[in-house]
């Protein structure tokens, strides 16, 4: 029975490694947003932030009965978000961030917290 459990653990480990490799290969900016584009001497390279997570399950044997136990389960997910692009010209390159409405809200919140902290420190 110990060999059977060890074999199951090895199969699960190999499966999770294969899933992780596959997701890692596909969670790239070029897979989601396309390859770099070149026009009139300017190349634009998309830049993205990729986040992924996995979950797993398990199982056990039945206690004191003739029935065998079982178990299983698993899942995962990927989130890829554009954050900007790199603009490459003849002798220079520049990263340009893509800003959204939530970026401004984060800035306002950070400034508010800083103002409160300064007031408490001085008062």
PDB file of N, CA and C in Angstrom:
ATOM      1  N   UNK A   1       0.822  -1.193   0.000  1.00  0.00           N
ATOM      2  CA  UNK A   1       0.000   0.000   0.000  1.00  0.00           C
ATOM      3  C   UNK A   1       0.866   1.257   0.000  1.00  0.00           C
ATOM      4  N   UNK A   2       2.020   1.204   0.665  1.00  0.00           N
ATOM      5  CA  UNK A   2       2.906   2.364   0.708  1.00  0.00           C
ATOM      6  C   UNK A   2       3.437   2.701  -0.670  1.00  0.00           C
ATOM      7  N   UNK A   3       3.708   1.666  -1.476  1.00  0.00           N
ATOM      8  CA  UNK A   3       4.195   1.913  -2.835  1.00  0.00           C
ATOM      9  C   UNK A   3       3.108   2.593  -3.653  1.00  0.00           C
ATOM     10  N   UNK A   4       1.858   2.140  -3.487  1.00  0.00           N
ATOM     11  CA  UNK A   4       0.739   2.722  -4.209  1.00  0.00           C
ATOM     12  C   UNK A   4       0.581   4.200  -3.866  1.00  0.00           C
ATOM     13  N   UNK A   5       0.706   4.533  -2.597  1.00  0.00           N
ATOM     14  CA  UNK A   5       0.604   5.932  -2.162  1.00  0.00           C
ATOM     15  C   UNK A   5       1.756   6.752  -2.724  1.00  0.00           C
ATOM     16  N   UNK A   6       2.950   6.200  -2.693  1.00  0.00           N
ATOM     17  CA  UNK A   6       4.126   6.900  -3.237  1.00  0.00           C
ATOM     18  C   UNK A   6       3.971   7.134  -4.741  1.00  0.00           C
ATOM     19  N   UNK A   7       3.460   6.140  -5.454  1.00  0.00           N
ATOM     20  CA  UNK A   7       3.244   6.290  -6.897  1.00  0.00           C
ATOM     21  C   UNK A   7       2.215   7.380  -7.178  1.00  0.00           C
ATOM     22  N   UNK A   8       1.166   7.428  -6.374  1.00  0.00           N
ATOM     23  CA  UNK A   8       0.144   8.470  -6.557  1.00  0.00           C
ATOM     24  C   UNK A   8       0.730   9.856  -6.330  1.00  0.00           C
ATOM     25  N   UNK A   9       1.533   9.992  -5.292  1.00  0.00           N
ATOM     26  CA  UNK A   9       2.171  11.278  -5.019  1.00  0.00           C
ATOM     27  C   UNK A   9       3.055  11.703  -6.175  1.00  0.00           C
ATOM     28  N   UNK A  10       3.784  10.757  -6.741  1.00  0.00           N
ATOM     29  CA  UNK A  10       4.672  11.063  -7.859  1.00  0.00           C
ATOM     30  C   UNK A  10       3.872  11.483  -9.092  1.00  0.00           C
ATOM     31  N   UNK A  11       2.770  10.786  -9.353  1.00  0.00           N
ATOM     32  CA  UNK A  11       1.921  11.132 -10.501  1.00  0.00           C
ATOM     33  C   UNK A  11       1.346  12.541 -10.324  1.00  0.00           C
ATOM     34  N   UNK A  12       0.867  12.858  -9.119  1.00  0.00           N
ATOM     35  CA  UNK A  12       0.308  14.186  -8.843  1.00  0.00           C
ATOM     36  C   UNK A  12       1.382  15.257  -8.999  1.00  0.00           C
ATOM     37  N   UNK A  13       2.570  14.999  -8.475  1.00  0.00           N
ATOM     38  CA  UNK A  13       3.666  15.963  -8.591  1.00  0.00           C
ATOM     39  C   UNK A  13       4.020  16.212 -10.054  1.00  0.00           C
ATOM     40  N   UNK A  14       4.128  15.146 -10.834  1.00  0.00           N
ATOM     41  CA  UNK A  14       4.452  15.296 -12.258  1.00  0.00           C
ATOM     42  C   UNK A  14       3.353  16.054 -12.996  1.00  0.00           C
ATOM     43  N   UNK A  15       2.110  15.770 -12.669  1.00  0.00           N
ATOM     44  CA  UNK A  15       0.991  16.466 -13.313  1.00  0.00           C
ATOM     45  C   UNK A  15       1.020  17.954 -13.005  1.00  0.00           C
ATOM     46  N   UNK A  16       1.230  18.324 -11.730  1.00  0.00           N
ATOM     47  CA  UNK A  16       1.287  19.739 -11.365  1.00  0.00           C
ATOM     48  C   UNK A  16       2.467  20.435 -12.031  1.00  0.00           C
ATOM     49  N   UNK A  17       3.597  19.761 -12.139  1.00  0.00           N
ATOM     50  CA  UNK A  17       4.753  20.361 -12.823  1.00  0.00           C
ATOM     51  C   UNK A  17       4.448  20.603 -14.292  1.00  0.00           C
ATOM     52  N   UNK A  18       3.798  19.651 -14.956  1.00  0.00           N
ATOM     53  CA  UNK A  18       3.451  19.821 -16.371  1.00  0.00           C
ATOM     54  C   UNK A  18       2.455  20.954 -16.564  1.00  0.00           C
ATOM     55  N   UNK A  19       1.468  21.042 -15.674  1.00  0.00           N
ATOM     56  CA  UNK A  19       0.495  22.136 -15.767  1.00  0.00           C
ATOM     57  C   UNK A  19       1.192  23.475 -15.572  1.00  0.00           C
ATOM     58  N   UNK A  20       2.060  23.557 -14.564  1.00  0.00           N
ATOM     59  CA  UNK A  20       2.797  24.799 -14.310  1.00  0.00           C
ATOM     60  C   UNK A  20       3.656  25.214 -15.494  1.00  0.00           C
ATOM     61  N   UNK A  21       4.333  24.268 -16.120  1.00  0.00           N
ATOM     62  CA  UNK A  21       5.162  24.585 -17.285  1.00  0.00           C
ATOM     63  C   UNK A  21       4.307  25.071 -18.448  1.00  0.00           C
ATOM     64  N   UNK A  22       3.197  24.394 -18.686  1.00  0.00           N
ATOM     65  CA  UNK A  22       2.319  24.779 -19.795  1.00  0.00           C
ATOM     66  C   UNK A  22       1.748  26.177 -19.583  1.00  0.00           C
ATOM     67  N   UNK A  23       1.263  26.445 -18.388  1.00  0.00           N
ATOM     68  CA  UNK A  23       0.702  27.767 -18.094  1.00  0.00           C
ATOM     69  C   UNK A  23       1.797  28.821 -18.175  1.00  0.00           C
ATOM     70  N   UNK A  24       2.966  28.533 -17.625  1.00  0.00           N
ATOM     71  CA  UNK A  24       4.080  29.478 -17.664  1.00  0.00           C
ATOM     72  C   UNK A  24       4.504  29.832 -19.079  1.00  0.00           C
ATOM     73  N   UNK A  25       4.470  28.863 -19.971  1.00  0.00           N
ATOM     74  CA  UNK A  25       4.843  29.122 -21.366  1.00  0.00           C
ATOM     75  C   UNK A  25       3.799  29.975 -22.070  1.00  0.00           C
ATOM     76  N   UNK A  26       2.559  29.821 -21.691  1.00  0.00           N
ATOM     77  CA  UNK A  26       1.479  30.534 -22.381  1.00  0.00           C
ATOM     78  C   UNK A  26       1.126  31.861 -21.747  1.00  0.00           C
ATOM     79  N   UNK A  27       1.544  32.099 -20.525  1.00  0.00           N
ATOM     80  CA  UNK A  27       1.219  33.349 -19.820  1.00  0.00           C
ATOM     81  C   UNK A  27       2.287  34.388 -20.111  1.00  0.00           C
ATOM     82  N   UNK A  28       2.398  34.775 -21.354  1.00  0.00           N
ATOM     83  CA  UNK A  28       3.367  35.767 -21.789  1.00  0.00           C
ATOM     84  C   UNK A  28       2.619  36.894 -22.494  1.00  0.00           C
ATOM     85  N   UNK A  29       3.216  38.047 -22.497  1.00  0.00           N
ATOM     86  CA  UNK A  29       2.575  39.192 -23.153  1.00  0.00           C
ATOM     87  C   UNK A  29       2.311  38.900 -24.627  1.00  0.00           C
ATOM     88  N   UNK A  30       3.256  38.265 -25.306  1.00  0.00           N
ATOM     89  CA  UNK A  30       3.079  38.006 -26.738  1.00  0.00           C
ATOM     90  C   UNK A  30       1.948  37.019 -26.998  1.00  0.00           C
ATOM     91  N   UNK A  31       1.691  36.093 -26.072  1.00  0.00           N
ATOM     92  CA  UNK A  31       0.598  35.139 -26.248  1.00  0.00           C
ATOM     93  C   UNK A  31      -0.757  35.817 -26.151  1.00  0.00           C
ATOM     94  N   UNK A  32      -0.845  36.853 -25.351  1.00  0.00           N
ATOM     95  CA  UNK A  32      -2.119  37.519 -25.118  1.00  0.00           C
ATOM     96  C   UNK A  32      -2.290  38.739 -26.024  1.00  0.00           C
ATOM     97  N   UNK A  33      -1.255  39.558 -26.119  1.00  0.00           N
ATOM     98  CA  UNK A  33      -1.373  40.850 -26.799  1.00  0.00           C
ATOM     99  C   UNK A  33      -0.676  40.906 -28.149  1.00  0.00           C
ATOM    100  N   UNK A  34      -0.002  39.837 -28.565  1.00  0.00           N
ATOM    101  CA  UNK A  34       0.640  39.798 -29.866  1.00  0.00           C
ATOM    102  C   UNK A  34       2.129  40.037 -29.799  1.00  0.00           C
ATOM    103  N   UNK A  35       2.756  39.865 -30.929  1.00  0.00           N
ATOM    104  CA  UNK A  35       4.197  40.049 -31.065  1.00  0.00           C
ATOM    105  C   UNK A  35       4.525  41.539 -31.202  1.00  0.00           C
ATOM    106  N   UNK A  36       5.803  41.901 -31.015  1.00  0.00           N
ATOM    107  CA  UNK A  36       6.197  43.295 -31.242  1.00  0.00           C
ATOM    108  C   UNK A  36       5.839  43.742 -32.663  1.00  0.00           C
ATOM    109  N   UNK A  37       5.519  45.028 -32.794  1.00  0.00           N
ATOM    110  CA  UNK A  37       5.119  45.598 -34.087  1.00  0.00           C
ATOM    111  C   UNK A  37       6.138  46.652 -34.479  1.00  0.00           C
ATOM    112  N   UNK A  38       6.525  46.646 -35.758  1.00  0.00           N
ATOM    113  CA  UNK A  38       7.482  47.646 -36.253  1.00  0.00           C
ATOM    114  C   UNK A  38       6.841  48.444 -37.384  1.00  0.00           C
ATOM    115  N   UNK A  39       6.899  49.771 -37.255  1.00  0.00           N
ATOM    116  CA  UNK A  39       6.375  50.686 -38.270  1.00  0.00           C
ATOM    117  C   UNK A  39       7.286  51.890 -38.343  1.00  0.00           C
ATOM    118  N   UNK A  40       7.696  52.248 -39.536  1.00  0.00           N
ATOM    119  CA  UNK A  40       8.462  53.468 -39.807  1.00  0.00           C
ATOM    120  C   UNK A  40       9.638  53.658 -38.847  1.00  0.00           C
ATOM    121  N   UNK A  41      10.379  52.598 -38.595  1.00  0.00           N
ATOM    122  CA  UNK A  41      11.572  52.678 -37.760  1.00  0.00           C
ATOM    123  C   UNK A  41      11.334  52.639 -36.264  1.00  0.00           C
ATOM    124  N   UNK A  42      10.086  52.427 -35.853  1.00  0.00           N
ATOM    125  CA  UNK A  42       9.753  52.349 -34.428  1.00  0.00           C
ATOM    126  C   UNK A  42       9.188  50.957 -34.151  1.00  0.00           C
ATOM    127  N   UNK A  43       9.752  50.293 -33.132  1.00  0.00           N
ATOM    128  CA  UNK A  43       9.240  48.988 -32.718  1.00  0.00           C
ATOM    129  C   UNK A  43       8.533  49.155 -31.383  1.00  0.00           C
ATOM    130  N   UNK A  44       7.338  48.594 -31.289  1.00  0.00           N
ATOM    131  CA  UNK A  44       6.552  48.645 -30.060  1.00  0.00           C
ATOM    132  C   UNK A  44       6.434  47.218 -29.519  1.00  0.00           C
ATOM    133  N   UNK A  45       6.890  47.037 -28.266  1.00  0.00           N
ATOM    134  CA  UNK A  45       6.879  45.725 -27.617  1.00  0.00           C
ATOM    135  C   UNK A  45       5.897  45.783 -26.449  1.00  0.00           C
ATOM    136  N   UNK A  46       4.838  44.944 -26.470  1.00  0.00           N
ATOM    137  CA  UNK A  46       3.884  44.967 -25.358  1.00  0.00           C
ATOM    138  C   UNK A  46       4.505  44.400 -24.078  1.00  0.00           C
ATOM    139  N   UNK A  47       4.123  44.977 -22.934  1.00  0.00           N
ATOM    140  CA  UNK A  47       4.598  44.526 -21.633  1.00  0.00           C
ATOM    141  C   UNK A  47       3.378  44.222 -20.773  1.00  0.00           C
ATOM    142  N   UNK A  48       3.395  43.061 -20.115  1.00  0.00           N
ATOM    143  CA  UNK A  48       2.245  42.654 -19.307  1.00  0.00           C
ATOM    144  C   UNK A  48       2.698  42.106 -17.965  1.00  0.00           C
ATOM    145  N   UNK A  49       1.758  42.076 -17.033  1.00  0.00           N
ATOM    146  CA  UNK A  49       1.974  41.468 -15.726  1.00  0.00           C
ATOM    147  C   UNK A  49       1.144  40.190 -15.711  1.00  0.00           C
ATOM    148  N   UNK A  50       1.791  39.068 -15.414  1.00  0.00           N
ATOM    149  CA  UNK A  50       1.090  37.788 -15.361  1.00  0.00           C
ATOM    150  C   UNK A  50       1.077  37.263 -13.930  1.00  0.00           C
ATOM    151  N   UNK A  51      -0.092  36.832 -13.491  1.00  0.00           N
ATOM    152  CA  UNK A  51      -0.241  36.224 -12.173  1.00  0.00           C
ATOM    153  C   UNK A  51      -0.977  34.906 -12.356  1.00  0.00           C
ATOM    154  N   UNK A  52      -0.507  33.869 -11.665  1.00  0.00           N
ATOM    155  CA  UNK A  52      -1.219  32.612 -11.748  1.00  0.00           C
ATOM    156  C   UNK A  52      -1.149  31.870 -10.420  1.00  0.00           C
ATOM    157  N   UNK A  53      -2.135  31.002 -10.212  1.00  0.00           N
ATOM    158  CA  UNK A  53      -2.197  30.241  -8.972  1.00  0.00           C
ATOM    159  C   UNK A  53      -2.809  28.882  -9.218  1.00  0.00           C
ATOM    160  N   UNK A  54      -2.493  27.961  -8.342  1.00  0.00           N
ATOM    161  CA  UNK A  54      -2.983  26.596  -8.464  1.00  0.00           C
ATOM    162  C   UNK A  54      -3.500  26.112  -7.122  1.00  0.00           C
ATOM    163  N   UNK A  55      -4.376  25.155  -7.170  1.00  0.00           N
ATOM    164  CA  UNK A  55      -4.864  24.515  -5.963  1.00  0.00           C
ATOM    165  C   UNK A  55      -4.945  23.022  -6.202  1.00  0.00           C
ATOM    166  N   UNK A  56      -4.907  22.273  -5.165  1.00  0.00           N
ATOM    167  CA  UNK A  56      -4.945  20.823  -5.315  1.00  0.00           C
ATOM    168  C   UNK A  56      -5.786  20.200  -4.236  1.00  0.00           C
ATOM    169  N   UNK A  57      -5.958  18.922  -4.345  1.00  0.00           N
ATOM    170  CA  UNK A  57      -6.750  18.187  -3.387  1.00  0.00           C
ATOM    171  C   UNK A  57      -6.007  16.948  -2.947  1.00  0.00           C
ATOM    172  N   UNK A  58      -6.695  16.065  -2.338  1.00  0.00           N
ATOM    173  CA  UNK A  58      -6.084  14.828  -1.858  1.00  0.00           C
ATOM    174  C   UNK A  58      -7.146  13.802  -1.584  1.00  0.00           C
ATOM    175  N   UNK A  59      -6.763  12.762  -0.909  1.00  0.00           N
ATOM    176  CA  UNK A  59      -7.701  11.702  -0.596  1.00  0.00           C
ATOM    177  C   UNK A  59      -7.161  10.840   0.515  1.00  0.00           C
ATOM    178  N   UNK A  60      -7.957   9.835   0.878  1.00  0.00           N
ATOM    179  CA  UNK A  60      -7.531   8.934   1.942  1.00  0.00           C
ATOM    180  C   UNK A  60      -8.248   7.608   1.803  1.00  0.00           C
ATOM    181  N   UNK A  61      -7.747   6.628   2.537  1.00  0.00           N
ATOM    182  CA  UNK A  61      -8.358   5.304   2.541  1.00  0.00           C
ATOM    183  C   UNK A  61      -9.503   5.273   3.537  1.00  0.00           C
ATOM    184  N   UNK A  62     -10.460   4.392   3.290  1.00  0.00           N
ATOM    185  CA  UNK A  62     -11.590   4.233   4.207  1.00  0.00           C
ATOM    186  C   UNK A  62     -11.108   3.577   5.491  1.00  0.00           C
ATOM    187  N   UNK A  63     -11.755   3.888   6.594  1.00  0.00           N
ATOM    188  CA  UNK A  63     -11.371   3.345   7.896  1.00  0.00           C
ATOM    189  C   UNK A  63     -12.215   2.123   8.252  1.00  0.00           C
ATOM    190  N   UNK A  64     -11.566   1.000   8.414  1.00  0.00           N
ATOM    191  CA  UNK A  64     -12.203  -0.204   8.945  1.00  0.00           C
ATOM    192  C   UNK A  64     -13.263  -0.846   8.078  1.00  0.00           C
ATOM    193  N   UNK A  65     -13.366  -0.528   6.829  1.00  0.00           N
ATOM    194  CA  UNK A  65     -14.390  -1.134   5.987  1.00  0.00           C
ATOM    195  C   UNK A  65     -13.782  -1.798   4.774  1.00  0.00           C
ATOM    196  N   UNK A  66     -14.609  -2.437   4.005  1.00  0.00           N
ATOM    197  CA  UNK A  66     -14.138  -3.099   2.797  1.00  0.00           C
ATOM    198  C   UNK A  66     -14.009  -2.113   1.640  1.00  0.00           C
ATOM    199  N   UNK A  67     -14.669  -0.984   1.756  1.00  0.00           N
ATOM    200  CA  UNK A  67     -14.610   0.017   0.686  1.00  0.00           C
ATOM    201  C   UNK A  67     -13.250   0.702   0.681  1.00  0.00           C
ATOM    202  N   UNK A  68     -12.795   0.990  -0.512  1.00  0.00           N
ATOM    203  CA  UNK A  68     -11.536   1.735  -0.627  1.00  0.00           C
ATOM    204  C   UNK A  68     -11.842   3.224  -0.649  1.00  0.00           C
ATOM    205  N   UNK A  69     -10.948   4.003  -0.095  1.00  0.00           N
ATOM    206  CA  UNK A  69     -11.112   5.442  -0.130  1.00  0.00           C
ATOM    207  C   UNK A  69     -10.657   5.989  -1.469  1.00  0.00           C
ATOM    208  N   UNK A  70     -10.955   7.231  -1.694  1.00  0.00           N
ATOM    209  CA  UNK A  70     -10.520   7.879  -2.924  1.00  0.00           C
ATOM    210  C   UNK A  70     -10.500   9.381  -2.702  1.00  0.00           C
ATOM    211  N   UNK A  71     -10.103  10.103  -3.689  1.00  0.00           N
ATOM    212  CA  UNK A  71     -10.075  11.545  -3.589  1.00  0.00           C
ATOM    213  C   UNK A  71      -9.548  12.145  -4.868  1.00  0.00           C
ATOM    214  N   UNK A  72      -9.378  13.415  -4.869  1.00  0.00           N
ATOM    215  CA  UNK A  72      -8.851  14.092  -6.043  1.00  0.00           C
ATOM    216  C   UNK A  72      -9.253  15.550  -6.025  1.00  0.00           C
ATOM    217  N   UNK A  73      -8.941  16.221  -7.088  1.00  0.00           N
ATOM    218  CA  UNK A  73      -9.312  17.617  -7.225  1.00  0.00           C
ATOM    219  C   UNK A  73      -8.141  18.478  -7.630  1.00  0.00           C
ATOM    220  N   UNK A  74      -8.412  19.607  -8.153  1.00  0.00           N
ATOM    221  CA  UNK A  74      -7.361  20.534  -8.551  1.00  0.00           C
ATOM    222  C   UNK A  74      -7.924  21.621  -9.436  1.00  0.00           C
ATOM    223  N   UNK A  75      -7.138  22.633  -9.643  1.00  0.00           N
ATOM    224  CA  UNK A  75      -7.551  23.726 -10.506  1.00  0.00           C
ATOM    225  C   UNK A  75      -6.499  24.799 -10.552  1.00  0.00           C
ATOM    226  N   UNK A  76      -6.713  25.757 -11.382  1.00  0.00           N
ATOM    227  CA  UNK A  76      -5.753  26.847 -11.507  1.00  0.00           C
ATOM    228  C   UNK A  76      -6.340  27.988 -12.310  1.00  0.00           C
ATOM    229  N   UNK A  77      -5.628  29.067 -12.330  1.00  0.00           N
ATOM    230  CA  UNK A  77      -6.079  30.219 -13.088  1.00  0.00           C
ATOM    231  C   UNK A  77      -4.932  31.155 -13.410  1.00  0.00           C
ATOM    232  N   UNK A  78      -5.134  31.958 -14.444  1.00  0.00           N
ATOM    233  CA  UNK A  78      -4.118  32.910 -14.898  1.00  0.00           C
ATOM    234  C   UNK A  78      -4.788  34.254 -15.146  1.00  0.00           C
ATOM    235  N   UNK A  79      -4.108  35.325 -14.755  1.00  0.00           N
ATOM    236  CA  UNK A  79      -4.573  36.681 -15.049  1.00  0.00           C
ATOM    237  C   UNK A  79      -3.407  37.433 -15.667  1.00  0.00           C
ATOM    238  N   UNK A  80      -3.583  37.887 -16.904  1.00  0.00           N
ATOM    239  CA  UNK A  80      -2.552  38.657 -17.593  1.00  0.00           C
ATOM    240  C   UNK A  80      -3.119  40.032 -17.891  1.00  0.00           C
ATOM    241  N   UNK A  81      -2.414  41.072 -17.427  1.00  0.00           N
ATOM    242  CA  UNK A  81      -2.889  42.448 -17.589  1.00  0.00           C
ATOM    243  C   UNK A  81      -1.835  43.280 -18.309  1.00  0.00           C
ATOM    244  N   UNK A  82      -2.253  44.123 -19.258  1.00  0.00           N
ATOM    245  CA  UNK A  82      -1.284  45.012 -19.901  1.00  0.00           C
ATOM    246  C   UNK A  82      -0.852  46.102 -18.924  1.00  0.00           C
ATOM    247  N   UNK A  83       0.443  46.388 -18.885  1.00  0.00           N
ATOM    248  CA  UNK A  83       0.914  47.480 -18.018  1.00  0.00           C
ATOM    249  C   UNK A  83       1.610  48.577 -18.815  1.00  0.00           C
ATOM    250  N   UNK A  84       1.943  48.301 -20.060  1.00  0.00           N
ATOM    251  CA  UNK A  84       2.595  49.323 -20.859  1.00  0.00           C
ATOM    252  C   UNK A  84       3.216  48.735 -22.111  1.00  0.00           C
ATOM    253  N   UNK A  85       4.135  49.505 -22.684  1.00  0.00           N
ATOM    254  CA  UNK A  85       4.859  49.028 -23.867  1.00  0.00           C
ATOM    255  C   UNK A  85       6.216  49.708 -23.913  1.00  0.00           C
ATOM    256  N   UNK A  86       7.120  49.046 -24.619  1.00  0.00           N
ATOM    257  CA  UNK A  86       8.452  49.609 -24.821  1.00  0.00           C
ATOM    258  C   UNK A  86       8.517  50.100 -26.255  1.00  0.00           C
ATOM    259  N   UNK A  87       8.881  51.353 -26.412  1.00  0.00           N
ATOM    260  CA  UNK A  87       9.010  51.962 -27.732  1.00  0.00           C
ATOM    261  C   UNK A  87      10.498  52.034 -28.056  1.00  0.00           C
ATOM    262  N   UNK A  88      10.904  51.311 -29.089  1.00  0.00           N
ATOM    263  CA  UNK A  88      12.318  51.249 -29.471  1.00  0.00           C
ATOM    264  C   UNK A  88      12.516  52.019 -30.766  1.00  0.00           C
ATOM    265  N   UNK A  89      13.427  52.994 -30.714  1.00  0.00           N
ATOM    266  CA  UNK A  89      13.794  53.765 -31.908  1.00  0.00           C
ATOM    267  C   UNK A  89      15.237  53.442 -32.265  1.00  0.00           C
ATOM    268  N   UNK A  90      15.805  54.137 -33.220  1.00  0.00           N
ATOM    269  CA  UNK A  90      17.154  53.829 -33.703  1.00  0.00           C
ATOM    270  C   UNK A  90      18.163  53.628 -32.579  1.00  0.00           C
ATOM    271  N   UNK A  91      18.319  54.603 -31.716  1.00  0.00           N
ATOM    272  CA  UNK A  91      19.353  54.525 -30.674  1.00  0.00           C
ATOM    273  C   UNK A  91      18.814  54.723 -29.267  1.00  0.00           C
ATOM    274  N   UNK A  92      17.511  54.579 -29.100  1.00  0.00           N
ATOM    275  CA  UNK A  92      16.947  54.777 -27.768  1.00  0.00           C
ATOM    276  C   UNK A  92      15.727  53.879 -27.582  1.00  0.00           C
ATOM    277  N   UNK A  93      15.369  53.692 -26.334  1.00  0.00           N
ATOM    278  CA  UNK A  93      14.148  52.965 -26.010  1.00  0.00           C
ATOM    279  C   UNK A  93      13.521  53.625 -24.783  1.00  0.00           C
ATOM    280  N   UNK A  94      12.203  53.511 -24.683  1.00  0.00           N
ATOM    281  CA  UNK A  94      11.493  54.139 -23.583  1.00  0.00           C
ATOM    282  C   UNK A  94      10.286  53.286 -23.216  1.00  0.00           C
ATOM    283  N   UNK A  95      10.121  53.032 -21.902  1.00  0.00           N
ATOM    284  CA  UNK A  95       8.947  52.332 -21.415  1.00  0.00           C
ATOM    285  C   UNK A  95       7.827  53.338 -21.216  1.00  0.00           C
ATOM    286  N   UNK A  96       6.659  53.040 -21.721  1.00  0.00           N
ATOM    287  CA  UNK A  96       5.501  53.912 -21.566  1.00  0.00           C
ATOM    288  C   UNK A  96       4.404  53.120 -20.864  1.00  0.00           C
ATOM    289  N   UNK A  97       4.031  53.600 -19.690  1.00  0.00           N
ATOM    290  CA  UNK A  97       3.025  52.928 -18.865  1.00  0.00           C
ATOM    291  C   UNK A  97       1.633  53.235 -19.377  1.00  0.00           C
ATOM    292  N   UNK A  98       0.775  52.236 -19.348  1.00  0.00           N
ATOM    293  CA  UNK A  98      -0.632  52.424 -19.686  1.00  0.00           C
ATOM    294  C   UNK A  98      -1.347  52.742 -18.378  1.00  0.00           C
ATOM    295  N   UNK A  99      -1.941  53.913 -18.303  1.00  0.00           N
ATOM    296  CA  UNK A  99      -2.634  54.338 -17.080  1.00  0.00           C
ATOM    297  C   UNK A  99      -4.124  54.136 -17.239  1.00  0.00           C
ATOM    298  N   UNK A 100      -4.735  53.756 -16.141  1.00  0.00           N
ATOM    299  CA  UNK A 100      -6.182  53.583 -16.115  1.00  0.00           C
ATOM    300  C   UNK A 100      -6.788  54.437 -15.026  1.00  0.00           C
ATOM    301  N   UNK A 101      -8.109  54.428 -14.915  1.00  0.00           N
ATOM    302  CA  UNK A 101      -8.768  55.263 -13.907  1.00  0.00           C
ATOM    303  C   UNK A 101      -8.423  54.855 -12.483  1.00  0.00           C
ATOM    304  N   UNK A 102      -8.126  53.574 -12.238  1.00  0.00           N
ATOM    305  CA  UNK A 102      -7.813  53.132 -10.885  1.00  0.00           C
ATOM    306  C   UNK A 102      -6.422  53.582 -10.457  1.00  0.00           C
ATOM    307  N   UNK A 103      -5.526  53.852 -11.405  1.00  0.00           N
ATOM    308  CA  UNK A 103      -4.201  54.371 -11.058  1.00  0.00           C
ATOM    309  C   UNK A 103      -4.328  55.728 -10.369  1.00  0.00           C
ATOM    310  N   UNK A 104      -5.203  56.575 -10.867  1.00  0.00           N
ATOM    311  CA  UNK A 104      -5.408  57.897 -10.272  1.00  0.00           C
ATOM    312  C   UNK A 104      -6.013  57.774  -8.873  1.00  0.00           C
ATOM    313  N   UNK A 105      -6.962  56.852  -8.710  1.00  0.00           N
ATOM    314  CA  UNK A 105      -7.566  56.651  -7.401  1.00  0.00           C
ATOM    315  C   UNK A 105      -6.537  56.170  -6.378  1.00  0.00           C
ATOM    316  N   UNK A 106      -5.629  55.309  -6.795  1.00  0.00           N
ATOM    317  CA  UNK A 106      -4.576  54.834  -5.890  1.00  0.00           C
ATOM    318  C   UNK A 106      -3.667  55.990  -5.488  1.00  0.00           C
ATOM    319  N   UNK A 107      -3.375  56.877  -6.414  1.00  0.00           N
ATOM    320  CA  UNK A 107      -2.542  58.038  -6.116  1.00  0.00           C
ATOM    321  C   UNK A 107      -3.240  58.965  -5.108  1.00  0.00           C
ATOM    322  N   UNK A 108      -4.519  59.200  -5.297  1.00  0.00           N
ATOM    323  CA  UNK A 108      -5.283  60.052  -4.377  1.00  0.00           C
ATOM    324  C   UNK A 108      -5.325  59.416  -2.982  1.00  0.00           C
ATOM    325  N   UNK A 109      -5.544  58.109  -2.913  1.00  0.00           N
ATOM    326  CA  UNK A 109      -5.583  57.420  -1.618  1.00  0.00           C
ATOM    327  C   UNK A 109      -4.229  57.498  -0.918  1.00  0.00           C
ATOM    328  N   UNK A 110      -3.152  57.291  -1.651  1.00  0.00           N
ATOM    329  CA  UNK A 110      -1.810  57.358  -1.061  1.00  0.00           C
ATOM    330  C   UNK A 110      -1.511  58.772  -0.555  1.00  0.00           C
ATOM    331  N   UNK A 111      -1.889  59.769  -1.316  1.00  0.00           N
ATOM    332  CA  UNK A 111      -1.660  61.156  -0.896  1.00  0.00           C
ATOM    333  C   UNK A 111      -2.476  61.476   0.356  1.00  0.00           C
ATOM    334  N   UNK A 112      -3.697  60.974   0.434  1.00  0.00           N
ATOM    335  CA  UNK A 112      -4.535  61.198   1.620  1.00  0.00           C
ATOM    336  C   UNK A 112      -3.913  60.584   2.864  1.00  0.00           C
ATOM    337  N   UNK A 113      -3.435  59.347   2.749  1.00  0.00           N
ATOM    338  CA  UNK A 113      -2.785  58.694   3.881  1.00  0.00           C
ATOM    339  C   UNK A 113      -1.516  59.436   4.294  1.00  0.00           C
ATOM    340  N   UNK A 114      -0.762  59.913   3.321  1.00  0.00           N
ATOM    341  CA  UNK A 114       0.460  60.667   3.638  1.00  0.00           C
ATOM    342  C   UNK A 114       0.112  61.966   4.367  1.00  0.00           C
ATOM    343  N   UNK A 115      -0.929  62.648   3.929  1.00  0.00           N
ATOM    344  CA  UNK A 115      -1.359  63.887   4.582  1.00  0.00           C
ATOM    345  C   UNK A 115      -1.789  63.636   6.027  1.00  0.00           C
ATOM    346  N   UNK A 116      -2.536  62.573   6.246  1.00  0.00           N
ATOM    347  CA  UNK A 116      -2.964  62.223   7.609  1.00  0.00           C
ATOM    348  C   UNK A 116      -1.752  61.917   8.493  1.00  0.00           C
ATOM    349  N   UNK A 117      -0.799  61.175   7.959  1.00  0.00           N
ATOM    350  CA  UNK A 117       0.400  60.821   8.723  1.00  0.00           C
ATOM    351  C   UNK A 117       1.213  62.065   9.085  1.00  0.00           C
ATOM    352  N   UNK A 118       1.333  63.011   8.146  1.00  0.00           N
ATOM    353  CA  UNK A 118       2.084  64.250   8.418  1.00  0.00           C
ATOM    354  C   UNK A 118       1.368  65.074   9.487  1.00  0.00           C
ATOM    355  N   UNK A 119       0.048  65.176   9.409  1.00  0.00           N
ATOM    356  CA  UNK A 119      -0.721  65.935  10.394  1.00  0.00           C
ATOM    357  C   UNK A 119      -0.557  65.331  11.802  1.00  0.00           C
ATOM    358  N   UNK A 120      -0.570  64.017  11.895  1.00  0.00           N
ATOM    359  CA  UNK A 120      -0.422  63.349  13.192  1.00  0.00           C
ATOM    360  C   UNK A 120       0.993  63.555  13.734  1.00  0.00           C
ATOM    361  N   UNK A 121       1.961  63.514  12.848  1.00  0.00           N
ATOM    362  CA  UNK A 121       3.359  63.695  13.289  1.00  0.00           C
ATOM    363  C   UNK A 121       3.618  65.117  13.775  1.00  0.00           C
ATOM    364  N   UNK A 122       2.982  66.105  13.132  1.00  0.00           N
ATOM    365  CA  UNK A 122       3.192  67.499  13.516  1.00  0.00           C
ATOM    366  C   UNK A 122       2.249  67.949  14.643  1.00  0.00           C
ATOM    367  N   UNK A 123       1.131  67.283  14.772  1.00  0.00           N
ATOM    368  CA  UNK A 123       0.124  67.744  15.748  1.00  0.00           C
ATOM    369  C   UNK A 123       0.164  66.977  16.982  1.00  0.00           C
TER     370      UNK A 123
END
